[in-house]
Amino acid sequence: MNDKLKIKISIADRVYPLTVEMSQEEGLRSASKKIDVMIKQFEENYAVRDKQDVLAMCALQFASQLEQKNVDNAIDGTESIERLTKINELLDQYLK
């Protein structure tokens, strides 16, 4: 059974035909809507010459959000490891 869908996604007043897995459809449509909302915000708040500038700023915004989450997760992981190490040391002392 072929679980691929042919969909059309609209971004910045352009339509992009895509063939995607069924499981990806909702995420792609949601991302498309978020991009269009962000485009409108940039156009309303900044003097923008063309859509390419706005799309570049959207890409930067999304990429920086992703990178910040990666940094936050790395920091959280390090703190968790340190806590677990301290707990392990306390347990070792208690069991001796």
Protein backbone atom coordinates (compact mmCIF):
# COMPACT_ATOMS: atom_id res chain seq x y z
CA MET A 1 0.00 0.00 0.00
CA ASN A 2 1.34 3.42 -0.95
CA ASP A 3 1.11 5.78 2.01
CA LYS A 4 2.35 8.85 0.13
CA LEU A 5 0.16 11.90 -0.36
CA LYS A 6 0.33 14.60 -2.98
CA ILE A 7 -0.34 17.92 -1.27
CA LYS A 8 0.05 21.58 -2.08
CA ILE A 9 1.62 23.87 0.48
CA SER A 10 1.36 27.64 0.20
CA ILE A 11 4.20 29.80 1.49
CA ALA A 12 4.52 33.52 0.78
CA ASP A 13 1.77 33.44 -1.84
CA ARG A 14 3.44 30.62 -3.77
CA VAL A 15 2.15 27.08 -4.04
CA TYR A 16 4.53 24.16 -3.72
CA PRO A 17 3.35 20.67 -4.73
CA LEU A 18 4.87 17.99 -2.52
CA THR A 19 4.70 14.23 -2.22
CA VAL A 20 4.95 13.33 1.45
CA GLU A 21 4.36 10.51 3.90
CA MET A 22 0.93 10.60 5.50
CA SER A 23 2.56 11.09 8.89
CA GLN A 24 4.27 14.29 7.66
CA GLU A 25 1.20 16.06 6.28
CA GLU A 26 -0.03 17.67 9.48
CA GLY A 27 3.42 18.92 10.45
CA LEU A 28 4.06 20.42 7.03
CA ARG A 29 0.71 22.19 6.95
CA SER A 30 1.27 23.55 10.45
CA ALA A 31 4.78 24.74 9.55
CA SER A 32 3.41 26.45 6.43
CA LYS A 33 0.86 28.35 8.52
CA LYS A 34 3.51 29.38 11.07
CA ILE A 35 5.77 30.65 8.29
CA ASP A 36 2.95 32.74 6.80
CA VAL A 37 2.12 34.21 10.23
CA MET A 38 5.78 35.08 10.77
CA ILE A 39 5.99 36.65 7.31
CA LYS A 40 3.05 38.92 8.13
CA GLN A 41 4.64 39.91 11.44
CA PHE A 42 7.94 40.81 9.77
CA GLU A 43 6.18 42.77 7.03
CA GLU A 44 4.11 44.71 9.59
CA ASN A 45 7.01 45.47 11.95
CA TYR A 46 9.95 46.09 9.63
CA ALA A 47 10.64 47.88 6.38
CA VAL A 48 11.03 44.95 4.03
CA ARG A 49 12.11 45.27 0.43
CA ASP A 50 11.02 41.90 -0.88
CA LYS A 51 9.79 38.44 0.08
CA GLN A 52 13.27 36.98 -0.06
CA ASP A 53 14.37 39.20 2.83
CA VAL A 54 11.33 38.17 4.85
CA LEU A 55 11.85 34.48 4.08
CA ALA A 56 15.51 34.76 5.10
CA MET A 57 14.47 36.28 8.43
CA CYS A 58 11.90 33.51 8.93
CA ALA A 59 14.54 30.88 8.23
CA LEU A 60 16.90 32.54 10.70
CA GLN A 61 14.18 32.74 13.35
CA PHE A 62 13.24 29.06 13.04
CA ALA A 63 16.86 27.92 12.89
CA SER A 64 17.79 29.96 15.96
CA GLN A 65 14.82 28.50 17.89
CA LEU A 66 15.95 24.99 16.99
CA GLU A 67 19.55 25.70 17.95
CA GLN A 68 18.48 27.26 21.26
CA LYS A 69 16.47 24.14 22.08
CA ASN A 70 19.53 22.02 21.31
CA VAL A 71 21.66 24.18 23.59
CA ASP A 72 19.05 24.07 26.35
CA ASN A 73 18.76 20.27 26.05
CA ALA A 74 22.54 19.87 26.17
CA ILE A 75 22.73 22.00 29.31
CA ASP A 76 19.85 20.13 30.92
CA GLY A 77 21.47 16.80 30.07
CA THR A 78 24.76 17.86 31.65
CA GLU A 79 23.04 18.98 34.83
CA SER A 80 21.11 15.72 35.03
CA ILE A 81 24.29 13.68 34.66
CA GLU A 82 25.97 15.69 37.41
CA ARG A 83 23.01 15.16 39.74
CA LEU A 84 22.90 11.45 39.01
CA THR A 85 26.64 11.17 39.66
CA LYS A 86 26.22 12.85 43.07
CA ILE A 87 23.29 10.58 43.95
CA ASN A 88 25.33 7.56 42.90
CA GLU A 89 28.21 8.67 45.12
CA LEU A 90 25.87 9.12 48.07
CA LEU A 91 24.40 5.66 47.51
CA ASP A 92 27.88 4.15 47.33
CA GLN A 93 28.80 5.81 50.64
CA TYR A 94 25.59 4.62 52.24
CA LEU A 95 26.00 1.03 51.08
CA LYS A 96 29.61 0.76 52.34
